N, C-alpha and C. Protein backbone atom coordinates (compact mmCIF):
# COMPACT_ATOMS: atom_id res chain seq x y z
N MET A 1 18.26 27.48 -13.87
CA MET A 1 18.66 26.42 -12.92
C MET A 1 17.56 25.85 -12.22
N PRO A 2 16.77 26.83 -11.42
CA PRO A 2 15.61 26.45 -10.69
C PRO A 2 14.58 25.47 -11.45
N SER A 3 14.43 25.71 -12.64
CA SER A 3 13.36 25.01 -13.47
C SER A 3 13.91 23.65 -13.70
N THR A 4 15.40 23.53 -14.09
CA THR A 4 16.06 22.29 -14.18
C THR A 4 15.83 21.43 -12.97
N LEU A 5 16.21 22.13 -11.92
CA LEU A 5 16.09 21.34 -10.50
C LEU A 5 14.76 20.86 -10.42
N ARG A 6 13.66 21.74 -10.58
CA ARG A 6 12.32 21.26 -10.32
C ARG A 6 11.94 20.27 -11.34
N ALA A 7 12.43 20.23 -12.53
CA ALA A 7 12.11 19.19 -13.44
C ALA A 7 12.56 17.82 -12.98
N VAL A 8 13.91 17.96 -12.52
CA VAL A 8 14.56 16.77 -12.12
C VAL A 8 13.74 16.05 -10.75
N LEU A 9 13.54 16.93 -9.87
CA LEU A 9 12.74 16.44 -8.82
C LEU A 9 11.39 16.06 -9.15
N ALA A 10 10.68 16.63 -10.04
CA ALA A 10 9.56 16.18 -10.55
C ALA A 10 9.44 14.76 -11.20
N TRP A 11 10.57 14.51 -11.95
CA TRP A 11 10.67 13.15 -12.43
C TRP A 11 11.04 12.07 -11.65
N SER A 12 11.91 12.48 -10.50
CA SER A 12 12.42 11.44 -9.54
C SER A 12 11.33 10.36 -9.01
N PRO A 13 10.17 10.92 -8.37
CA PRO A 13 9.36 9.76 -7.90
C PRO A 13 8.85 8.79 -8.86
N ALA A 14 8.59 9.45 -10.12
CA ALA A 14 8.07 8.39 -11.09
C ALA A 14 9.10 7.46 -11.57
N VAL A 15 10.23 7.87 -11.69
CA VAL A 15 11.37 7.00 -12.11
C VAL A 15 11.55 5.91 -11.01
N ILE A 16 11.79 6.49 -9.78
CA ILE A 16 11.74 5.54 -8.69
C ILE A 16 10.70 4.39 -8.66
N VAL A 17 9.37 4.79 -8.91
CA VAL A 17 8.32 3.76 -9.01
C VAL A 17 8.34 2.75 -10.08
N LEU A 18 8.82 3.36 -11.22
CA LEU A 18 8.86 2.64 -12.48
C LEU A 18 10.14 1.36 -12.11
N LEU A 19 11.25 2.08 -11.72
CA LEU A 19 12.45 1.15 -11.41
C LEU A 19 11.94 0.03 -10.40
N GLY A 20 11.41 0.41 -9.43
CA GLY A 20 10.74 -0.42 -8.32
C GLY A 20 9.81 -1.47 -8.80
N ILE A 21 8.91 -1.10 -9.87
CA ILE A 21 8.15 -2.11 -10.40
C ILE A 21 8.92 -3.05 -11.15
N LEU A 22 9.99 -2.48 -12.05
CA LEU A 22 10.92 -3.42 -12.62
C LEU A 22 11.61 -4.41 -11.92
N LEU A 23 12.29 -3.91 -10.74
CA LEU A 23 12.73 -4.84 -9.72
C LEU A 23 11.96 -5.88 -9.23
N LEU A 24 10.64 -5.46 -8.86
CA LEU A 24 9.68 -6.31 -8.22
C LEU A 24 9.42 -7.44 -9.13
N SER A 25 9.19 -7.13 -10.37
CA SER A 25 8.68 -8.01 -11.40
C SER A 25 9.85 -9.12 -11.63
N ARG A 26 11.25 -8.56 -11.61
CA ARG A 26 12.21 -9.49 -11.73
C ARG A 26 12.63 -10.35 -10.48
N ASN A 27 12.08 -9.85 -9.13
CA ASN A 27 12.40 -10.61 -8.08
C ASN A 27 11.49 -11.81 -7.88
N GLY A 28 10.50 -12.04 -8.74
CA GLY A 28 9.64 -13.21 -8.86
C GLY A 28 10.25 -14.59 -9.19
N GLU A 29 11.50 -14.39 -9.81
CA GLU A 29 12.29 -15.61 -10.15
C GLU A 29 13.26 -15.79 -8.92
N THR A 30 12.61 -16.53 -7.74
CA THR A 30 13.48 -16.68 -6.78
C THR A 30 14.71 -17.62 -7.02
N SER A 31 14.60 -18.74 -7.77
CA SER A 31 15.69 -19.58 -7.83
C SER A 31 16.70 -18.97 -8.75
N LYS A 32 16.31 -18.20 -9.62
CA LYS A 32 17.34 -17.42 -10.52
C LYS A 32 17.95 -16.39 -9.65
N ALA A 33 17.26 -15.71 -8.82
CA ALA A 33 17.87 -14.76 -8.01
C ALA A 33 18.92 -15.32 -7.04
N GLU A 34 18.52 -16.48 -6.56
CA GLU A 34 19.48 -17.27 -5.61
C GLU A 34 20.82 -17.66 -6.37
N ASP A 35 20.60 -18.04 -7.57
CA ASP A 35 21.65 -18.49 -8.50
C ASP A 35 22.64 -17.23 -8.72
N ASP A 36 21.86 -16.18 -8.96
CA ASP A 36 22.67 -14.90 -9.31
C ASP A 36 23.51 -14.36 -8.21
N ARG A 37 22.94 -14.67 -6.92
CA ARG A 37 23.74 -14.04 -5.74
C ARG A 37 25.07 -14.95 -5.51
N ASN A 38 25.00 -16.16 -6.02
CA ASN A 38 26.32 -17.02 -6.04
C ASN A 38 27.10 -16.84 -7.10
N SER A 39 26.61 -16.02 -8.22
CA SER A 39 27.41 -15.94 -9.47
C SER A 39 28.23 -14.57 -9.28
N SER A 40 29.32 -14.57 -10.11
CA SER A 40 30.29 -13.30 -10.04
C SER A 40 29.91 -12.57 -11.34
N VAL A 41 28.90 -12.95 -12.29
CA VAL A 41 28.54 -12.35 -13.38
C VAL A 41 27.52 -11.24 -13.13
N ASP A 42 27.65 -9.86 -13.49
CA ASP A 42 26.71 -9.00 -13.13
C ASP A 42 25.41 -9.11 -14.23
N GLU A 43 24.39 -8.71 -13.67
CA GLU A 43 23.26 -8.79 -14.63
C GLU A 43 23.26 -7.23 -15.50
N PRO A 44 22.79 -7.17 -16.61
CA PRO A 44 22.77 -5.88 -17.35
C PRO A 44 21.52 -5.18 -16.81
N ILE A 45 21.71 -3.84 -16.91
CA ILE A 45 20.43 -2.96 -16.50
C ILE A 45 19.73 -2.64 -17.61
N ILE A 46 18.56 -2.93 -17.48
CA ILE A 46 17.71 -2.60 -18.72
C ILE A 46 16.90 -1.25 -18.56
N GLY A 47 17.11 -0.50 -19.63
CA GLY A 47 16.55 0.80 -19.57
C GLY A 47 15.10 0.78 -19.92
N LEU A 48 14.48 2.00 -19.73
CA LEU A 48 12.96 2.13 -19.93
C LEU A 48 12.76 2.04 -21.30
N SER A 49 11.57 1.52 -21.68
CA SER A 49 11.15 1.52 -23.10
C SER A 49 10.76 2.99 -23.39
N THR A 50 10.59 3.29 -24.62
CA THR A 50 10.01 4.59 -25.07
C THR A 50 8.64 4.96 -24.63
N ALA A 51 7.79 3.81 -24.44
CA ALA A 51 6.47 4.09 -23.96
C ALA A 51 6.49 4.27 -22.42
N ASP A 52 7.39 3.84 -21.79
CA ASP A 52 7.63 3.99 -20.33
C ASP A 52 8.28 5.54 -20.09
N GLN A 53 9.00 5.64 -20.88
CA GLN A 53 9.68 7.12 -20.90
C GLN A 53 8.56 8.08 -20.98
N ASP A 54 7.57 7.86 -21.97
CA ASP A 54 6.52 8.79 -22.21
C ASP A 54 5.61 8.98 -21.08
N ARG A 55 5.39 7.79 -20.42
CA ARG A 55 4.46 7.75 -19.26
C ARG A 55 5.10 8.53 -18.07
N VAL A 56 6.41 8.35 -17.74
CA VAL A 56 7.17 9.02 -16.72
C VAL A 56 6.98 10.56 -17.16
N HIS A 57 7.22 10.92 -18.30
CA HIS A 57 7.16 12.29 -18.70
C HIS A 57 5.88 12.88 -18.46
N ARG A 58 4.73 12.19 -18.75
CA ARG A 58 3.20 12.66 -18.53
C ARG A 58 3.13 12.87 -17.06
N ILE A 59 3.59 11.77 -16.24
CA ILE A 59 3.45 12.09 -14.70
C ILE A 59 4.22 13.21 -14.14
N ALA A 60 5.36 13.61 -14.78
CA ALA A 60 6.29 14.52 -14.33
C ALA A 60 5.43 15.97 -14.58
N LEU A 61 4.96 16.04 -15.77
CA LEU A 61 4.15 17.04 -16.22
C LEU A 61 2.98 17.44 -15.26
N LYS A 62 2.30 16.26 -14.90
CA LYS A 62 1.30 16.41 -14.06
C LYS A 62 1.68 16.76 -12.65
N GLN A 63 2.70 16.26 -12.12
CA GLN A 63 3.07 16.74 -10.79
C GLN A 63 3.47 18.21 -10.91
N GLU A 64 4.31 18.49 -12.02
CA GLU A 64 4.77 19.97 -12.04
C GLU A 64 3.56 20.76 -12.20
N THR A 65 2.54 20.50 -12.98
CA THR A 65 1.28 21.32 -13.03
C THR A 65 0.46 21.52 -11.72
N ALA A 66 0.55 20.42 -10.86
CA ALA A 66 -0.23 20.31 -9.38
C ALA A 66 0.66 21.32 -8.69
N ILE A 67 1.98 21.18 -8.73
CA ILE A 67 2.82 22.21 -7.91
C ILE A 67 2.56 23.62 -8.45
N ASP A 68 2.53 23.92 -9.62
CA ASP A 68 2.39 25.16 -10.22
C ASP A 68 0.92 25.81 -9.83
N MET A 69 -0.03 24.99 -9.67
CA MET A 69 -1.27 25.41 -9.32
C MET A 69 -1.28 25.59 -7.69
N LEU A 70 -0.65 24.91 -6.94
CA LEU A 70 -0.48 25.23 -5.53
C LEU A 70 0.26 26.58 -5.27
N ASP A 71 1.34 26.61 -6.12
CA ASP A 71 2.11 27.82 -5.99
C ASP A 71 1.50 29.11 -6.52
N GLY A 72 0.23 28.93 -7.12
CA GLY A 72 -0.34 30.12 -7.81
C GLY A 72 -0.01 30.68 -9.05
N ARG A 73 0.74 29.68 -9.74
CA ARG A 73 1.14 30.01 -11.33
C ARG A 73 0.13 29.53 -12.36
N PHE A 74 -0.79 28.56 -11.83
CA PHE A 74 -2.05 28.31 -12.70
C PHE A 74 -3.28 28.51 -11.63
N THR A 75 -4.31 28.91 -12.45
CA THR A 75 -5.47 28.80 -11.67
C THR A 75 -6.08 27.26 -11.68
N VAL A 76 -7.15 26.91 -10.78
CA VAL A 76 -7.49 25.63 -10.83
C VAL A 76 -7.98 25.18 -12.12
N GLU A 77 -8.72 25.91 -12.86
CA GLU A 77 -9.27 25.75 -14.20
C GLU A 77 -8.01 25.58 -15.20
N GLU A 78 -7.24 26.51 -15.20
CA GLU A 78 -5.95 26.22 -16.06
C GLU A 78 -5.23 24.91 -15.88
N ALA A 79 -4.98 24.54 -14.49
CA ALA A 79 -4.56 23.31 -14.27
C ALA A 79 -5.25 22.02 -14.82
N THR A 80 -6.56 22.16 -14.44
CA THR A 80 -7.51 21.09 -14.95
C THR A 80 -7.40 20.86 -16.35
N GLN A 81 -7.50 21.94 -17.22
CA GLN A 81 -7.32 21.97 -18.71
C GLN A 81 -6.07 21.33 -19.06
N ARG A 82 -4.98 21.71 -18.21
CA ARG A 82 -3.48 21.11 -18.60
C ARG A 82 -3.66 19.57 -18.34
N PHE A 83 -4.13 19.08 -17.24
CA PHE A 83 -4.30 17.78 -17.09
C PHE A 83 -4.97 17.00 -18.12
N LEU A 84 -6.17 17.71 -18.56
CA LEU A 84 -6.83 17.02 -19.41
C LEU A 84 -6.08 17.02 -20.84
N GLU A 85 -5.30 18.05 -21.30
CA GLU A 85 -4.51 18.14 -22.47
C GLU A 85 -3.45 16.96 -22.44
N ILE A 86 -2.74 16.83 -21.18
CA ILE A 86 -1.72 15.77 -21.04
C ILE A 86 -2.39 14.38 -21.20
N SER A 87 -3.44 14.14 -20.58
CA SER A 87 -4.09 12.89 -20.74
C SER A 87 -4.56 12.54 -22.21
N ALA A 88 -5.27 13.66 -22.77
CA ALA A 88 -5.60 13.47 -24.30
C ALA A 88 -4.44 13.27 -25.25
N SER A 89 -3.21 13.44 -24.84
CA SER A 89 -2.17 13.38 -25.68
C SER A 89 -1.76 11.99 -25.85
N ASP A 90 -2.42 10.92 -25.22
CA ASP A 90 -2.01 9.45 -25.58
C ASP A 90 -3.50 8.78 -25.23
N PRO A 91 -3.79 7.92 -26.14
CA PRO A 91 -5.15 7.18 -25.86
C PRO A 91 -5.16 6.37 -24.77
N GLU A 92 -3.92 5.60 -24.38
CA GLU A 92 -4.05 4.81 -23.21
C GLU A 92 -4.08 5.62 -22.05
N CYS A 93 -3.58 6.73 -21.94
CA CYS A 93 -3.63 7.71 -20.71
C CYS A 93 -4.97 8.22 -20.68
N LEU A 94 -5.58 8.54 -21.63
CA LEU A 94 -7.08 9.06 -21.65
C LEU A 94 -7.97 7.86 -21.20
N ASP A 95 -7.63 6.78 -21.61
CA ASP A 95 -8.43 5.64 -21.23
C ASP A 95 -8.31 5.43 -19.61
N HIS A 96 -7.08 5.49 -19.28
CA HIS A 96 -6.78 5.26 -17.78
C HIS A 96 -7.47 6.34 -17.06
N LEU A 97 -7.53 7.71 -17.31
CA LEU A 97 -8.16 8.66 -16.68
C LEU A 97 -9.71 8.46 -16.68
N ARG A 98 -10.32 7.96 -17.67
CA ARG A 98 -11.80 7.56 -17.82
C ARG A 98 -12.06 6.41 -17.03
N ARG A 99 -11.25 5.47 -16.69
CA ARG A 99 -11.36 4.32 -15.93
C ARG A 99 -11.10 4.50 -14.40
N SER A 100 -10.26 5.38 -14.00
CA SER A 100 -9.69 5.47 -12.76
C SER A 100 -10.18 6.68 -11.88
N ALA A 101 -10.55 7.73 -12.56
CA ALA A 101 -10.98 8.78 -11.89
C ALA A 101 -12.42 9.16 -11.80
N ARG A 102 -12.90 9.70 -10.84
CA ARG A 102 -14.35 9.97 -10.71
C ARG A 102 -14.75 11.26 -11.50
N GLY A 103 -15.95 11.33 -11.83
CA GLY A 103 -16.43 12.50 -12.50
C GLY A 103 -17.46 11.92 -13.59
N ALA A 104 -18.36 13.04 -13.96
CA ALA A 104 -19.19 12.76 -15.12
C ALA A 104 -18.68 12.95 -16.46
N THR A 105 -17.82 13.94 -16.56
CA THR A 105 -17.17 14.30 -17.78
C THR A 105 -15.68 14.12 -17.80
N ASP A 106 -15.00 14.14 -18.92
CA ASP A 106 -13.48 14.10 -18.94
C ASP A 106 -12.81 15.13 -18.08
N HIS A 107 -13.57 16.41 -18.10
CA HIS A 107 -12.98 17.49 -17.43
C HIS A 107 -13.07 17.33 -16.03
N ASP A 108 -14.25 16.85 -15.39
CA ASP A 108 -14.45 16.46 -14.05
C ASP A 108 -13.57 15.37 -13.64
N LYS A 109 -13.12 14.44 -14.39
CA LYS A 109 -12.17 13.34 -14.07
C LYS A 109 -10.76 14.05 -13.99
N ALA A 110 -10.32 14.90 -15.09
CA ALA A 110 -9.14 15.68 -14.98
C ALA A 110 -9.07 16.34 -13.57
N PHE A 111 -9.98 17.04 -13.22
CA PHE A 111 -10.07 17.87 -11.99
C PHE A 111 -9.78 16.90 -10.89
N ASN A 112 -10.47 15.87 -10.70
CA ASN A 112 -10.37 15.03 -9.57
C ASN A 112 -8.82 14.41 -9.57
N GLN A 113 -8.34 14.00 -10.65
CA GLN A 113 -6.93 13.60 -10.87
C GLN A 113 -5.86 14.64 -10.39
N LEU A 114 -6.25 15.82 -10.76
CA LEU A 114 -5.43 17.19 -10.41
C LEU A 114 -5.40 17.00 -8.85
N MET A 115 -6.50 17.04 -8.21
CA MET A 115 -6.71 17.21 -6.86
C MET A 115 -5.97 16.10 -6.14
N MET A 116 -5.98 14.91 -6.80
CA MET A 116 -5.32 13.70 -6.01
C MET A 116 -3.68 14.13 -6.10
N PHE A 117 -3.30 14.59 -7.22
CA PHE A 117 -1.89 14.92 -7.22
C PHE A 117 -1.54 16.15 -6.31
N ALA A 118 -2.50 17.22 -6.16
CA ALA A 118 -2.29 18.32 -5.44
C ALA A 118 -2.31 17.78 -3.82
N ARG A 119 -2.95 16.83 -3.47
CA ARG A 119 -3.14 16.34 -2.06
C ARG A 119 -1.69 15.72 -1.82
N ILE A 120 -1.20 14.79 -2.61
CA ILE A 120 -0.07 14.33 -2.47
C ILE A 120 1.18 15.36 -2.17
N GLN A 121 1.14 16.31 -3.16
CA GLN A 121 2.24 17.35 -2.91
C GLN A 121 1.92 18.17 -1.64
N ALA A 122 0.89 18.38 -1.10
CA ALA A 122 0.56 19.19 -0.06
C ALA A 122 0.78 18.31 1.16
N SER A 123 0.68 16.95 1.06
CA SER A 123 1.16 16.10 2.29
C SER A 123 2.56 16.08 2.41
N ARG A 124 3.34 16.24 1.32
CA ARG A 124 4.73 16.16 1.23
C ARG A 124 5.23 17.37 1.90
N ASP A 125 4.72 18.50 1.64
CA ASP A 125 5.15 19.79 2.30
C ASP A 125 3.90 20.73 2.69
N PRO A 126 3.20 20.32 3.92
CA PRO A 126 1.93 20.90 4.46
C PRO A 126 2.36 22.49 4.59
N ARG A 127 3.28 22.82 5.12
CA ARG A 127 3.43 24.17 5.53
C ARG A 127 3.43 25.25 4.12
N ARG A 128 3.88 24.57 3.08
CA ARG A 128 3.97 25.29 1.77
C ARG A 128 2.59 25.35 1.09
N PHE A 129 2.00 24.07 1.19
CA PHE A 129 0.78 23.95 0.15
C PHE A 129 -0.55 23.73 0.72
N ARG A 130 -0.69 23.74 2.13
CA ARG A 130 -1.89 23.48 2.78
C ARG A 130 -2.89 24.63 2.57
N ALA A 131 -2.58 25.81 2.68
CA ALA A 131 -3.58 26.97 2.24
C ALA A 131 -3.94 27.14 0.86
N ALA A 132 -3.06 26.65 -0.11
CA ALA A 132 -3.20 26.71 -1.62
C ALA A 132 -4.31 25.61 -1.74
N LEU A 133 -4.05 24.28 -1.20
CA LEU A 133 -4.82 23.06 -1.36
C LEU A 133 -6.37 23.50 -0.79
N ASP A 134 -6.37 24.03 0.42
CA ASP A 134 -7.84 24.45 0.84
C ASP A 134 -8.48 25.51 0.01
N ARG A 135 -7.88 26.33 -0.64
CA ARG A 135 -8.34 27.26 -1.72
C ARG A 135 -8.99 26.40 -2.86
N ALA A 136 -8.09 25.36 -3.38
CA ALA A 136 -8.55 24.49 -4.43
C ALA A 136 -9.86 23.85 -4.26
N GLU A 137 -9.90 23.14 -2.93
CA GLU A 137 -10.86 22.55 -2.36
C GLU A 137 -12.28 23.33 -2.46
N GLN A 138 -12.07 24.63 -2.01
CA GLN A 138 -13.24 25.66 -1.95
C GLN A 138 -13.67 25.88 -3.41
N VAL A 139 -12.81 25.87 -4.31
CA VAL A 139 -13.08 26.23 -5.74
C VAL A 139 -14.01 24.87 -6.15
N ALA A 140 -13.56 23.80 -5.81
CA ALA A 140 -14.25 22.69 -6.26
C ALA A 140 -15.77 22.58 -5.69
N GLN A 141 -15.86 22.95 -4.42
CA GLN A 141 -17.16 22.84 -3.86
C GLN A 141 -17.92 23.98 -4.42
N SER A 142 -17.42 25.17 -4.82
CA SER A 142 -18.25 26.28 -5.46
C SER A 142 -18.73 26.00 -6.83
N THR A 143 -17.86 25.15 -7.40
CA THR A 143 -18.32 24.86 -8.84
C THR A 143 -19.11 23.56 -9.03
N GLN A 144 -19.35 22.91 -7.93
CA GLN A 144 -20.26 21.81 -7.80
C GLN A 144 -19.42 20.55 -8.42
N VAL A 145 -18.17 20.59 -8.59
CA VAL A 145 -17.22 19.30 -8.98
C VAL A 145 -17.15 18.63 -7.63
N ASN A 146 -17.34 17.35 -7.75
CA ASN A 146 -17.33 16.48 -6.45
C ASN A 146 -15.88 15.95 -6.27
N PRO A 147 -14.92 16.63 -5.56
CA PRO A 147 -13.65 15.83 -5.37
C PRO A 147 -13.73 14.77 -4.54
N LEU A 148 -12.68 13.99 -4.80
CA LEU A 148 -12.53 12.69 -3.81
C LEU A 148 -12.40 13.13 -2.43
N ALA A 149 -13.10 12.42 -1.49
CA ALA A 149 -12.84 12.91 -0.12
C ALA A 149 -11.52 12.58 0.43
N HIS A 150 -10.94 13.36 1.27
CA HIS A 150 -9.54 12.92 1.97
C HIS A 150 -9.85 11.52 2.57
N GLN A 151 -8.60 10.82 2.25
CA GLN A 151 -8.70 9.34 2.94
C GLN A 151 -7.57 9.26 3.79
């Protein structure tokens, strides 16, 4: 039961973001939106495409991996390797990692992305994760990986 709850909680932010994007893209049609408010016909709900579901799943796996690292179930190296494997499972995801994360190698980029996810989790629950995040930052400094500075 706890793993099911954790999986649901891990998926929730990603689903909310994707639904928000969908709603924002549809709100651009202001005249149609005004007509719809005056109409009694309900608009059908459009589900996520298979590709979007895969993206949400990868984000959830990365969130879960960051939490597992912060909770001590994965070492920093194991979590970094898992981030790299998740990204490598899809060419679009790997391309996004290469374009968006800092680092000289894919491993460094995966580590920096892991640290971004870990910082987000630590900011959500600082009492639970702050010490673990500090330890991960120390590992980064000791292995000469250049993590992104706190912003």
